[in-house]
Amino acid sequence: MLPIDPPLLSDHSFVVANLDCAPLTGQSMSVCQIRNWREVDVDALAADLQCSDLVTSPSDDLESTIDSYNTTLRALIDKHVPLQIKRLQARRPRVS
């Protein structure tokens, strides 16, 4: 409990809060998938894009073009910047 004693008339005098500040007992881990965009070889990615069906044989149909765009870019991204699994560990709160 953190009561605010009213030395003056203030709307903060009516605020009462309970806060549980118990430290974490165990280390919690979470996993996420990331791409390391800093390591992408832009020239190799551009060269592969130039050789792709999206550029070499574009479709006249809008839906086919959109599908080709999505699948081509996804494949190139997966090739040049593959997903990596990163384990994140929750930090313990600092006690002051």
Foldseek 3Di string as FASTA:
>chain_A
DDADDPPDDDPSNPDDDDDDPDKDPDKDKDKDKDWDVVQFDVVVLVVQVCVACLNPPNDPDPVVNVVSVVVSVVVSCCVRTNIDMDMDIDDIDDDD
